[in-house]
């Protein structure tokens, strides 16, 4: 689990998160994250829950997320 919601995080989501191959939950909601969702998130083959709600993310949803067969819940709302 990586739970970093409401921590006033700023900047881009690091692409290196894709190296956390055993990660099942990524919760980065309610921060000030910017730019796009890195395609490397698609390498998190065990990811079941992704919450990037209420940030400042722009751009499309990476197609790589569609290959995450364990992904059960995705929250991307309240981004521009």
PDB file of N, CA and C in Angstrom:
ATOM      1  N   UNK A   1       0.832  -1.179   0.000  1.00  0.00           N
ATOM      2  CA  UNK A   1       0.000   0.000   0.000  1.00  0.00           C
ATOM      3  C   UNK A   1       0.877   1.242   0.000  1.00  0.00           C
ATOM      4  N   UNK A   2       0.471   2.221  -0.801  1.00  0.00           N
ATOM      5  CA  UNK A   2       1.104   3.531  -0.763  1.00  0.00           C
ATOM      6  C   UNK A   2      -0.017   4.555  -0.625  1.00  0.00           C
ATOM      7  N   UNK A   3      -0.181   5.041   0.586  1.00  0.00           N
ATOM      8  CA  UNK A   3      -1.281   5.946   0.925  1.00  0.00           C
ATOM      9  C   UNK A   3      -0.704   7.311   1.262  1.00  0.00           C
ATOM     10  N   UNK A   4      -0.802   8.231   0.314  1.00  0.00           N
ATOM     11  CA  UNK A   4      -0.227   9.567   0.490  1.00  0.00           C
ATOM     12  C   UNK A   4      -1.248  10.658   0.194  1.00  0.00           C
ATOM     13  N   UNK A   5      -2.490  10.423   0.506  1.00  0.00           N
ATOM     14  CA  UNK A   5      -3.536  11.409   0.271  1.00  0.00           C
ATOM     15  C   UNK A   5      -3.394  12.564   1.254  1.00  0.00           C
ATOM     16  N   UNK A   6      -3.823  13.719   0.817  1.00  0.00           N
ATOM     17  CA  UNK A   6      -3.853  14.928   1.647  1.00  0.00           C
ATOM     18  C   UNK A   6      -2.502  15.236   2.289  1.00  0.00           C
ATOM     19  N   UNK A   7      -1.445  15.151   1.489  1.00  0.00           N
ATOM     20  CA  UNK A   7      -0.105  15.432   1.993  1.00  0.00           C
ATOM     21  C   UNK A   7       0.543  16.642   1.339  1.00  0.00           C
ATOM     22  N   UNK A   8      -0.224  17.425   0.620  1.00  0.00           N
ATOM     23  CA  UNK A   8       0.288  18.608  -0.060  1.00  0.00           C
ATOM     24  C   UNK A   8       1.435  18.263  -1.008  1.00  0.00           C
ATOM     25  N   UNK A   9       1.381  17.079  -1.610  1.00  0.00           N
ATOM     26  CA  UNK A   9       2.388  16.703  -2.603  1.00  0.00           C
ATOM     27  C   UNK A   9       2.218  17.572  -3.830  1.00  0.00           C
ATOM     28  N   UNK A  10       3.340  17.987  -4.417  1.00  0.00           N
ATOM     29  CA  UNK A  10       3.315  18.862  -5.584  1.00  0.00           C
ATOM     30  C   UNK A  10       4.209  18.285  -6.665  1.00  0.00           C
ATOM     31  N   UNK A  11       3.903  18.635  -7.899  1.00  0.00           N
ATOM     32  CA  UNK A  11       4.727  18.199  -9.011  1.00  0.00           C
ATOM     33  C   UNK A  11       4.121  17.014  -9.730  1.00  0.00           C
ATOM     34  N   UNK A  12       4.933  16.379 -10.552  1.00  0.00           N
ATOM     35  CA  UNK A  12       4.485  15.243 -11.356  1.00  0.00           C
ATOM     36  C   UNK A  12       4.517  13.956 -10.545  1.00  0.00           C
ATOM     37  N   UNK A  13       3.689  13.011 -10.952  1.00  0.00           N
ATOM     38  CA  UNK A  13       3.748  11.668 -10.372  1.00  0.00           C
ATOM     39  C   UNK A  13       5.011  11.010 -10.923  1.00  0.00           C
ATOM     40  N   UNK A  14       5.897  10.548 -10.065  1.00  0.00           N
ATOM     41  CA  UNK A  14       7.158   9.968 -10.556  1.00  0.00           C
ATOM     42  C   UNK A  14       6.922   8.688 -11.355  1.00  0.00           C
ATOM     43  N   UNK A  15       7.550   8.598 -12.506  1.00  0.00           N
ATOM     44  CA  UNK A  15       7.423   7.388 -13.328  1.00  0.00           C
ATOM     45  C   UNK A  15       8.014   6.175 -12.616  1.00  0.00           C
ATOM     46  N   UNK A  16       8.904   6.413 -11.673  1.00  0.00           N
ATOM     47  CA  UNK A  16       9.537   5.316 -10.927  1.00  0.00           C
ATOM     48  C   UNK A  16       8.535   4.506 -10.107  1.00  0.00           C
ATOM     49  N   UNK A  17       7.338   5.040  -9.887  1.00  0.00           N
ATOM     50  CA  UNK A  17       6.312   4.254  -9.189  1.00  0.00           C
ATOM     51  C   UNK A  17       6.041   2.948  -9.924  1.00  0.00           C
ATOM     52  N   UNK A  18       6.254   2.940 -11.217  1.00  0.00           N
ATOM     53  CA  UNK A  18       6.065   1.728 -12.013  1.00  0.00           C
ATOM     54  C   UNK A  18       6.985   0.597 -11.616  1.00  0.00           C
ATOM     55  N   UNK A  19       8.031   0.893 -10.868  1.00  0.00           N
ATOM     56  CA  UNK A  19       8.968  -0.139 -10.414  1.00  0.00           C
ATOM     57  C   UNK A  19       8.474  -0.878  -9.174  1.00  0.00           C
ATOM     58  N   UNK A  20       7.413  -0.395  -8.559  1.00  0.00           N
ATOM     59  CA  UNK A  20       6.880  -1.022  -7.339  1.00  0.00           C
ATOM     60  C   UNK A  20       5.947  -2.162  -7.729  1.00  0.00           C
ATOM     61  N   UNK A  21       6.524  -3.220  -8.243  1.00  0.00           N
ATOM     62  CA  UNK A  21       5.762  -4.283  -8.889  1.00  0.00           C
ATOM     63  C   UNK A  21       4.762  -4.995  -7.982  1.00  0.00           C
ATOM     64  N   UNK A  22       4.940  -4.961  -6.685  1.00  0.00           N
ATOM     65  CA  UNK A  22       4.021  -5.638  -5.771  1.00  0.00           C
ATOM     66  C   UNK A  22       2.925  -4.720  -5.225  1.00  0.00           C
ATOM     67  N   UNK A  23       2.930  -3.470  -5.648  1.00  0.00           N
ATOM     68  CA  UNK A  23       1.977  -2.486  -5.128  1.00  0.00           C
ATOM     69  C   UNK A  23       0.547  -2.861  -5.520  1.00  0.00           C
ATOM     70  N   UNK A  24      -0.335  -2.880  -4.533  1.00  0.00           N
ATOM     71  CA  UNK A  24      -1.741  -3.216  -4.770  1.00  0.00           C
ATOM     72  C   UNK A  24      -2.657  -2.007  -4.641  1.00  0.00           C
ATOM     73  N   UNK A  25      -2.261  -1.019  -3.844  1.00  0.00           N
ATOM     74  CA  UNK A  25      -3.089   0.165  -3.618  1.00  0.00           C
ATOM     75  C   UNK A  25      -2.223   1.416  -3.760  1.00  0.00           C
ATOM     76  N   UNK A  26      -2.644   2.321  -4.625  1.00  0.00           N
ATOM     77  CA  UNK A  26      -1.960   3.597  -4.801  1.00  0.00           C
ATOM     78  C   UNK A  26      -2.980   4.700  -4.591  1.00  0.00           C
ATOM     79  N   UNK A  27      -2.819   5.440  -3.516  1.00  0.00           N
ATOM     80  CA  UNK A  27      -3.793   6.455  -3.112  1.00  0.00           C
ATOM     81  C   UNK A  27      -3.065   7.788  -2.995  1.00  0.00           C
ATOM     82  N   UNK A  28      -3.212   8.624  -4.014  1.00  0.00           N
ATOM     83  CA  UNK A  28      -2.546   9.929  -4.064  1.00  0.00           C
ATOM     84  C   UNK A  28      -3.559  11.063  -4.179  1.00  0.00           C
ATOM     85  N   UNK A  29      -4.761  10.843  -3.708  1.00  0.00           N
ATOM     86  CA  UNK A  29      -5.837  11.829  -3.843  1.00  0.00           C
ATOM     87  C   UNK A  29      -5.571  13.079  -3.008  1.00  0.00           C
ATOM     88  N   UNK A  30      -6.199  14.167  -3.434  1.00  0.00           N
ATOM     89  CA  UNK A  30      -6.216  15.430  -2.706  1.00  0.00           C
ATOM     90  C   UNK A  30      -4.828  15.981  -2.407  1.00  0.00           C
ATOM     91  N   UNK A  31      -4.041  16.058  -3.470  1.00  0.00           N
ATOM     92  CA  UNK A  31      -2.733  16.690  -3.424  1.00  0.00           C
ATOM     93  C   UNK A  31      -2.707  17.767  -4.501  1.00  0.00           C
ATOM     94  N   UNK A  32      -1.540  18.183  -4.909  1.00  0.00           N
ATOM     95  CA  UNK A  32      -1.400  19.170  -5.987  1.00  0.00           C
ATOM     96  C   UNK A  32      -0.534  18.597  -7.095  1.00  0.00           C
ATOM     97  N   UNK A  33      -0.830  17.369  -7.481  1.00  0.00           N
ATOM     98  CA  UNK A  33      -0.068  16.701  -8.532  1.00  0.00           C
ATOM     99  C   UNK A  33      -0.483  17.256  -9.890  1.00  0.00           C
ATOM    100  N   UNK A  34       0.495  17.406 -10.774  1.00  0.00           N
ATOM    101  CA  UNK A  34       0.252  18.040 -12.071  1.00  0.00           C
ATOM    102  C   UNK A  34       0.699  17.130 -13.212  1.00  0.00           C
ATOM    103  N   UNK A  35       0.461  17.611 -14.414  1.00  0.00           N
ATOM    104  CA  UNK A  35       0.827  16.957 -15.667  1.00  0.00           C
ATOM    105  C   UNK A  35      -0.045  15.729 -15.910  1.00  0.00           C
ATOM    106  N   UNK A  36       0.516  14.687 -16.494  1.00  0.00           N
ATOM    107  CA  UNK A  36      -0.264  13.513 -16.893  1.00  0.00           C
ATOM    108  C   UNK A  36       0.009  12.324 -15.969  1.00  0.00           C
ATOM    109  N   UNK A  37      -0.841  11.329 -16.086  1.00  0.00           N
ATOM    110  CA  UNK A  37      -0.622  10.068 -15.381  1.00  0.00           C
ATOM    111  C   UNK A  37       0.472   9.328 -16.140  1.00  0.00           C
ATOM    112  N   UNK A  38       1.560   8.958 -15.487  1.00  0.00           N
ATOM    113  CA  UNK A  38       2.650   8.300 -16.215  1.00  0.00           C
ATOM    114  C   UNK A  38       2.232   6.924 -16.732  1.00  0.00           C
ATOM    115  N   UNK A  39       2.655   6.614 -17.933  1.00  0.00           N
ATOM    116  CA  UNK A  39       2.320   5.311 -18.528  1.00  0.00           C
ATOM    117  C   UNK A  39       2.903   4.158 -17.714  1.00  0.00           C
ATOM    118  N   UNK A  40       3.961   4.423 -16.956  1.00  0.00           N
ATOM    119  CA  UNK A  40       4.608   3.379 -16.151  1.00  0.00           C
ATOM    120  C   UNK A  40       3.677   2.813 -15.075  1.00  0.00           C
ATOM    121  N   UNK A  41       2.600   3.530 -14.746  1.00  0.00           N
ATOM    122  CA  UNK A  41       1.610   2.988 -13.808  1.00  0.00           C
ATOM    123  C   UNK A  41       1.074   1.666 -14.362  1.00  0.00           C
ATOM    124  N   UNK A  42       1.074   1.535 -15.670  1.00  0.00           N
ATOM    125  CA  UNK A  42       0.623   0.303 -16.314  1.00  0.00           C
ATOM    126  C   UNK A  42       1.504  -0.898 -16.039  1.00  0.00           C
ATOM    127  N   UNK A  43       2.655  -0.694 -15.438  1.00  0.00           N
ATOM    128  CA  UNK A  43       3.541  -1.807 -15.076  1.00  0.00           C
ATOM    129  C   UNK A  43       3.208  -2.392 -13.704  1.00  0.00           C
ATOM    130  N   UNK A  44       2.253  -1.784 -12.996  1.00  0.00           N
ATOM    131  CA  UNK A  44       1.891  -2.244 -11.647  1.00  0.00           C
ATOM    132  C   UNK A  44       0.876  -3.382 -11.764  1.00  0.00           C
ATOM    133  N   UNK A  45       1.353  -4.551 -12.122  1.00  0.00           N
ATOM    134  CA  UNK A  45       0.470  -5.668 -12.461  1.00  0.00           C
ATOM    135  C   UNK A  45      -0.392  -6.150 -11.294  1.00  0.00           C
ATOM    136  N   UNK A  46      -0.030  -5.836 -10.070  1.00  0.00           N
ATOM    137  CA  UNK A  46      -0.826  -6.245  -8.910  1.00  0.00           C
ATOM    138  C   UNK A  46      -1.773  -5.151  -8.425  1.00  0.00           C
ATOM    139  N   UNK A  47      -1.770  -4.008  -9.085  1.00  0.00           N
ATOM    140  CA  UNK A  47      -2.572  -2.882  -8.626  1.00  0.00           C
ATOM    141  C   UNK A  47      -4.065  -3.201  -8.708  1.00  0.00           C
ATOM    142  N   UNK A  48      -4.746  -3.029  -7.581  1.00  0.00           N
ATOM    143  CA  UNK A  48      -6.191  -3.270  -7.513  1.00  0.00           C
ATOM    144  C   UNK A  48      -6.960  -1.974  -7.306  1.00  0.00           C
ATOM    145  N   UNK A  49      -6.334  -0.968  -6.709  1.00  0.00           N
ATOM    146  CA  UNK A  49      -7.020   0.265  -6.365  1.00  0.00           C
ATOM    147  C   UNK A  49      -6.127   1.448  -6.695  1.00  0.00           C
ATOM    148  N   UNK A  50      -6.650   2.369  -7.488  1.00  0.00           N
ATOM    149  CA  UNK A  50      -5.912   3.568  -7.884  1.00  0.00           C
ATOM    150  C   UNK A  50      -6.801   4.784  -7.642  1.00  0.00           C
ATOM    151  N   UNK A  51      -6.347   5.698  -6.803  1.00  0.00           N
ATOM    152  CA  UNK A  51      -7.104   6.910  -6.536  1.00  0.00           C
ATOM    153  C   UNK A  51      -6.198   8.118  -6.737  1.00  0.00           C
ATOM    154  N   UNK A  52      -6.489   8.874  -7.782  1.00  0.00           N
ATOM    155  CA  UNK A  52      -5.768  10.116  -8.098  1.00  0.00           C
ATOM    156  C   UNK A  52      -6.736  11.291  -8.091  1.00  0.00           C
ATOM    157  N   UNK A  53      -7.820  11.152  -7.385  1.00  0.00           N
ATOM    158  CA  UNK A  53      -8.890  12.125  -7.314  1.00  0.00           C
ATOM    159  C   UNK A  53      -8.403  13.467  -6.753  1.00  0.00           C
ATOM    160  N   UNK A  54      -8.980  14.544  -7.268  1.00  0.00           N
ATOM    161  CA  UNK A  54      -8.778  15.886  -6.729  1.00  0.00           C
ATOM    162  C   UNK A  54      -7.309  16.326  -6.727  1.00  0.00           C
ATOM    163  N   UNK A  55      -6.720  16.307  -7.905  1.00  0.00           N
ATOM    164  CA  UNK A  55      -5.380  16.838  -8.139  1.00  0.00           C
ATOM    165  C   UNK A  55      -5.476  17.849  -9.269  1.00  0.00           C
ATOM    166  N   UNK A  56      -4.402  18.053  -9.989  1.00  0.00           N
ATOM    167  CA  UNK A  56      -4.401  18.970 -11.130  1.00  0.00           C
ATOM    168  C   UNK A  56      -3.852  18.240 -12.361  1.00  0.00           C
ATOM    169  N   UNK A  57      -4.233  16.978 -12.505  1.00  0.00           N
ATOM    170  CA  UNK A  57      -3.742  16.155 -13.602  1.00  0.00           C
ATOM    171  C   UNK A  57      -4.470  16.507 -14.890  1.00  0.00           C
ATOM    172  N   UNK A  58      -3.744  16.480 -15.988  1.00  0.00           N
ATOM    173  CA  UNK A  58      -4.313  16.793 -17.296  1.00  0.00           C
ATOM    174  C   UNK A  58      -3.974  15.671 -18.271  1.00  0.00           C
ATOM    175  N   UNK A  59      -4.572  15.731 -19.438  1.00  0.00           N
ATOM    176  CA  UNK A  59      -4.292  14.728 -20.457  1.00  0.00           C
ATOM    177  C   UNK A  59      -5.219  13.532 -20.327  1.00  0.00           C
ATOM    178  N   UNK A  60      -4.995  12.572 -21.186  1.00  0.00           N
ATOM    179  CA  UNK A  60      -5.843  11.388 -21.225  1.00  0.00           C
ATOM    180  C   UNK A  60      -5.431  10.330 -20.214  1.00  0.00           C
ATOM    181  N   UNK A  61      -6.248   9.316 -20.170  1.00  0.00           N
ATOM    182  CA  UNK A  61      -5.954   8.149 -19.326  1.00  0.00           C
ATOM    183  C   UNK A  61      -5.060   7.219 -20.141  1.00  0.00           C
ATOM    184  N   UNK A  62      -3.902   6.856 -19.620  1.00  0.00           N
ATOM    185  CA  UNK A  62      -3.005   5.988 -20.387  1.00  0.00           C
ATOM    186  C   UNK A  62      -3.667   4.646 -20.720  1.00  0.00           C
ATOM    187  N   UNK A  63      -3.520   4.224 -21.952  1.00  0.00           N
ATOM    188  CA  UNK A  63      -4.093   2.941 -22.371  1.00  0.00           C
ATOM    189  C   UNK A  63      -3.503   1.778 -21.578  1.00  0.00           C
ATOM    190  N   UNK A  64      -2.314   1.961 -21.044  1.00  0.00           N
ATOM    191  CA  UNK A  64      -1.656   0.909 -20.259  1.00  0.00           C
ATOM    192  C   UNK A  64      -2.482   0.511 -19.029  1.00  0.00           C
ATOM    193  N   UNK A  65      -3.308   1.433 -18.528  1.00  0.00           N
ATOM    194  CA  UNK A  65      -4.167   1.084 -17.384  1.00  0.00           C
ATOM    195  C   UNK A  65      -5.140  -0.032 -17.747  1.00  0.00           C
ATOM    196  N   UNK A  66      -5.512  -0.097 -19.005  1.00  0.00           N
ATOM    197  CA  UNK A  66      -6.432  -1.135 -19.466  1.00  0.00           C
ATOM    198  C   UNK A  66      -5.857  -2.531 -19.416  1.00  0.00           C
ATOM    199  N   UNK A  67      -4.553  -2.640 -19.274  1.00  0.00           N
ATOM    200  CA  UNK A  67      -3.911  -3.958 -19.208  1.00  0.00           C
ATOM    201  C   UNK A  67      -3.750  -4.464 -17.781  1.00  0.00           C
ATOM    202  N   UNK A  68      -4.172  -3.674 -16.803  1.00  0.00           N
ATOM    203  CA  UNK A  68      -4.044  -4.070 -15.403  1.00  0.00           C
ATOM    204  C   UNK A  68      -5.240  -4.941 -15.026  1.00  0.00           C
ATOM    205  N   UNK A  69      -5.080  -6.233 -15.144  1.00  0.00           N
ATOM    206  CA  UNK A  69      -6.188  -7.170 -14.961  1.00  0.00           C
ATOM    207  C   UNK A  69      -6.674  -7.268 -13.520  1.00  0.00           C
ATOM    208  N   UNK A  70      -5.869  -6.849 -12.557  1.00  0.00           N
ATOM    209  CA  UNK A  70      -6.289  -6.883 -11.153  1.00  0.00           C
ATOM    210  C   UNK A  70      -6.959  -5.592 -10.705  1.00  0.00           C
ATOM    211  N   UNK A  71      -6.964  -4.590 -11.562  1.00  0.00           N
ATOM    212  CA  UNK A  71      -7.502  -3.283 -11.204  1.00  0.00           C
ATOM    213  C   UNK A  71      -9.023  -3.364 -11.059  1.00  0.00           C
ATOM    214  N   UNK A  72      -9.498  -3.059  -9.853  1.00  0.00           N
ATOM    215  CA  UNK A  72     -10.929  -3.146  -9.553  1.00  0.00           C
ATOM    216  C   UNK A  72     -11.574  -1.773  -9.361  1.00  0.00           C
ATOM    217  N   UNK A  73     -10.802  -0.794  -8.926  1.00  0.00           N
ATOM    218  CA  UNK A  73     -11.373   0.494  -8.579  1.00  0.00           C
ATOM    219  C   UNK A  73     -10.417   1.600  -9.017  1.00  0.00           C
ATOM    220  N   UNK A  74     -10.930   2.544  -9.796  1.00  0.00           N
ATOM    221  CA  UNK A  74     -10.140   3.684 -10.264  1.00  0.00           C
ATOM    222  C   UNK A  74     -10.937   4.956 -10.004  1.00  0.00           C
ATOM    223  N   UNK A  75     -10.301   5.922  -9.352  1.00  0.00           N
ATOM    224  CA  UNK A  75     -10.922   7.221  -9.121  1.00  0.00           C
ATOM    225  C   UNK A  75     -10.005   8.303  -9.684  1.00  0.00           C
ATOM    226  N   UNK A  76     -10.516   9.009 -10.676  1.00  0.00           N
ATOM    227  CA  UNK A  76      -9.753  10.065 -11.341  1.00  0.00           C
ATOM    228  C   UNK A  76     -10.520  11.377 -11.382  1.00  0.00           C
ATOM    229  N   UNK A  77     -11.610  11.472 -10.683  1.00  0.00           N
ATOM    230  CA  UNK A  77     -12.466  12.648 -10.768  1.00  0.00           C
ATOM    231  C   UNK A  77     -11.813  13.877 -10.138  1.00  0.00           C
ATOM    232  N   UNK A  78     -12.399  15.009 -10.412  1.00  0.00           N
ATOM    233  CA  UNK A  78     -11.969  16.313  -9.902  1.00  0.00           C
ATOM    234  C   UNK A  78     -10.539  16.657 -10.288  1.00  0.00           C
ATOM    235  N   UNK A  79     -10.212  16.358 -11.531  1.00  0.00           N
ATOM    236  CA  UNK A  79      -8.995  16.827 -12.170  1.00  0.00           C
ATOM    237  C   UNK A  79      -9.465  17.653 -13.373  1.00  0.00           C
ATOM    238  N   UNK A  80      -8.657  18.633 -13.824  1.00  0.00           N
ATOM    239  CA  UNK A  80      -9.113  19.456 -14.964  1.00  0.00           C
ATOM    240  C   UNK A  80      -9.372  18.613 -16.202  1.00  0.00           C
TER     241      UNK A  80
END
